[in-house]
C-alpha atoms as a PDB file:
ATOM      1  CA  UNK A   1       1.297  -1.864   5.072  1.00  0.00           C
ATOM      2  CA  UNK A   2       0.450   1.633   4.003  1.00  0.00           C
ATOM      3  CA  UNK A   3       2.991   4.039   2.621  1.00  0.00           C
ATOM      4  CA  UNK A   4       2.855   7.535   1.138  1.00  0.00           C
ATOM      5  CA  UNK A   5       5.279   7.900  -1.713  1.00  0.00           C
ATOM      6  CA  UNK A   6       5.995  11.242  -3.346  1.00  0.00           C
ATOM      7  CA  UNK A   7       7.510  10.367  -6.662  1.00  0.00           C
ATOM      8  CA  UNK A   8       8.931  12.596  -9.385  1.00  0.00           C
ATOM      9  CA  UNK A   9       7.261  12.122 -12.735  1.00  0.00           C
ATOM     10  CA  UNK A  10      10.390  10.343 -14.019  1.00  0.00           C
ATOM     11  CA  UNK A  11      10.059   7.396 -11.600  1.00  0.00           C
ATOM     12  CA  UNK A  12       7.465   4.767 -12.545  1.00  0.00           C
ATOM     13  CA  UNK A  13       5.331   3.556  -9.682  1.00  0.00           C
ATOM     14  CA  UNK A  14       6.176  -0.100 -10.395  1.00  0.00           C
ATOM     15  CA  UNK A  15       9.930   0.705 -10.120  1.00  0.00           C
ATOM     16  CA  UNK A  16       9.406   2.520  -6.783  1.00  0.00           C
ATOM     17  CA  UNK A  17       7.401  -0.386  -5.389  1.00  0.00           C
ATOM     18  CA  UNK A  18       9.987  -2.866  -6.556  1.00  0.00           C
ATOM     19  CA  UNK A  19      12.694  -0.927  -4.806  1.00  0.00           C
ATOM     20  CA  UNK A  20      10.697  -0.496  -1.620  1.00  0.00           C
ATOM     21  CA  UNK A  21       9.772  -4.174  -1.401  1.00  0.00           C
ATOM     22  CA  UNK A  22      13.261  -5.372  -2.312  1.00  0.00           C
ATOM     23  CA  UNK A  23      15.159  -3.090   0.085  1.00  0.00           C
ATOM     24  CA  UNK A  24      12.766  -3.666   3.021  1.00  0.00           C
ATOM     25  CA  UNK A  25      12.716  -7.471   2.458  1.00  0.00           C
ATOM     26  CA  UNK A  26      16.482  -7.565   2.470  1.00  0.00           C
ATOM     27  CA  UNK A  27      16.680  -5.522   5.640  1.00  0.00           C
ATOM     28  CA  UNK A  28      13.984  -7.440   7.479  1.00  0.00           C
ATOM     29  CA  UNK A  29      15.365 -10.837   6.476  1.00  0.00           C
ATOM     30  CA  UNK A  30      18.902  -9.821   7.652  1.00  0.00           C
ATOM     31  CA  UNK A  31      17.592  -8.477  11.029  1.00  0.00           C
ATOM     32  CA  UNK A  32      14.477 -10.515  11.780  1.00  0.00           C
ATOM     33  CA  UNK A  33      14.469 -13.625   9.579  1.00  0.00           C
ATOM     34  CA  UNK A  34      11.953 -15.154   7.180  1.00  0.00           C
ATOM     35  CA  UNK A  35       9.845 -12.403   5.542  1.00  0.00           C
ATOM     36  CA  UNK A  36       8.094 -12.050   2.201  1.00  0.00           C
ATOM     37  CA  UNK A  37       5.731  -9.475   0.696  1.00  0.00           C
ATOM     38  CA  UNK A  38       2.510 -10.434  -0.989  1.00  0.00           C
ATOM     39  CA  UNK A  39       2.885 -10.730  -4.720  1.00  0.00           C
ATOM     40  CA  UNK A  40       0.982  -7.594  -5.793  1.00  0.00           C
ATOM     41  CA  UNK A  41       0.192  -4.163  -4.492  1.00  0.00           C
ATOM     42  CA  UNK A  42      -2.462  -1.456  -4.679  1.00  0.00           C
ATOM     43  CA  UNK A  43      -1.783   2.208  -5.304  1.00  0.00           C
ATOM     44  CA  UNK A  44      -3.960   5.235  -5.237  1.00  0.00           C
ATOM     45  CA  UNK A  45      -2.984   8.739  -6.088  1.00  0.00           C
ATOM     46  CA  UNK A  46      -3.858  11.729  -3.873  1.00  0.00           C
ATOM     47  CA  UNK A  47      -3.557  15.406  -4.462  1.00  0.00           C
ATOM     48  CA  UNK A  48      -0.777  17.368  -2.655  1.00  0.00           C
ATOM     49  CA  UNK A  49      -3.425  19.089  -0.653  1.00  0.00           C
ATOM     50  CA  UNK A  50      -4.399  15.751   0.934  1.00  0.00           C
ATOM     51  CA  UNK A  51      -0.864  14.850   2.088  1.00  0.00           C
ATOM     52  CA  UNK A  52      -1.419  15.827   5.766  1.00  0.00           C
ATOM     53  CA  UNK A  53      -4.637  13.812   5.899  1.00  0.00           C
ATOM     54  CA  UNK A  54      -3.011  10.755   4.417  1.00  0.00           C
ATOM     55  CA  UNK A  55      -0.068  10.968   6.814  1.00  0.00           C
ATOM     56  CA  UNK A  56      -2.510  11.104   9.740  1.00  0.00           C
ATOM     57  CA  UNK A  57      -4.457   8.114   8.342  1.00  0.00           C
ATOM     58  CA  UNK A  58      -1.263   6.108   7.969  1.00  0.00           C
ATOM     59  CA  UNK A  59      -0.134   6.963  11.543  1.00  0.00           C
ATOM     60  CA  UNK A  60      -3.445   5.656  12.836  1.00  0.00           C
ATOM     61  CA  UNK A  61      -3.813   2.618  10.615  1.00  0.00           C
ATOM     62  CA  UNK A  62      -3.384   0.085  13.450  1.00  0.00           C
ATOM     63  CA  UNK A  63      -6.418   1.463  15.339  1.00  0.00           C
ATOM     64  CA  UNK A  64      -8.305   1.955  12.110  1.00  0.00           C
ATOM     65  CA  UNK A  65      -7.869  -1.657  11.034  1.00  0.00           C
ATOM     66  CA  UNK A  66      -9.094  -2.909  14.385  1.00  0.00           C
ATOM     67  CA  UNK A  67     -12.504  -1.692  13.142  1.00  0.00           C
ATOM     68  CA  UNK A  68     -12.226  -2.488   9.424  1.00  0.00           C
ATOM     69  CA  UNK A  69      -9.867  -5.045   7.951  1.00  0.00           C
ATOM     70  CA  UNK A  70      -7.327  -4.044   5.336  1.00  0.00           C
ATOM     71  CA  UNK A  71      -9.030  -6.448   2.869  1.00  0.00           C
ATOM     72  CA  UNK A  72     -12.444  -4.990   3.430  1.00  0.00           C
ATOM     73  CA  UNK A  73     -11.089  -1.420   3.084  1.00  0.00           C
ATOM     74  CA  UNK A  74      -9.105  -2.225  -0.105  1.00  0.00           C
ATOM     75  CA  UNK A  75     -12.104  -3.779  -1.811  1.00  0.00           C
ATOM     76  CA  UNK A  76     -14.273  -0.771  -0.737  1.00  0.00           C
ATOM     77  CA  UNK A  77     -11.734   1.600  -2.392  1.00  0.00           C
ATOM     78  CA  UNK A  78     -11.848  -0.420  -5.612  1.00  0.00           C
ATOM     79  CA  UNK A  79     -15.645  -0.305  -5.608  1.00  0.00           C
ATOM     80  CA  UNK A  80     -15.887   3.367  -4.602  1.00  0.00           C
ATOM     81  CA  UNK A  81     -13.642   4.455  -7.522  1.00  0.00           C
ATOM     82  CA  UNK A  82     -15.185   2.060 -10.042  1.00  0.00           C
ATOM     83  CA  UNK A  83     -12.041  -0.035 -10.522  1.00  0.00           C
ATOM     84  CA  UNK A  84     -12.830  -3.377 -12.034  1.00  0.00           C
ATOM     85  CA  UNK A  85     -11.186  -6.357 -10.396  1.00  0.00           C
ATOM     86  CA  UNK A  86     -11.340 -10.151 -10.229  1.00  0.00           C
ATOM     87  CA  UNK A  87     -12.348 -11.006  -6.595  1.00  0.00           C
ATOM     88  CA  UNK A  88     -10.327 -14.240  -6.743  1.00  0.00           C
ATOM     89  CA  UNK A  89      -7.092 -12.258  -7.472  1.00  0.00           C
ATOM     90  CA  UNK A  90      -7.664  -8.820  -5.830  1.00  0.00           C
ATOM     91  CA  UNK A  91      -6.004  -9.805  -2.583  1.00  0.00           C
ATOM     92  CA  UNK A  92      -3.283 -12.094  -3.787  1.00  0.00           C
END
């Protein structure tokens, strides 16, 4: 799942993700049944000037991921931005 969150500086990212995962899990489990998120998450910041581009990307993620898996794309982001990671734990 991809999401664009616009957070005020007083809201920690971890708290926002906890709320998002908790609220959506509750709603999905009440309406659809057995659902659980992966344990972790990845987050990347973008400038306000890129908001429209990110919204377009999210809207087209299904078609996009037919060509490149989420896993491949996530690892490519980590490599592109020089983020060190343990390959055995990067995807949960």
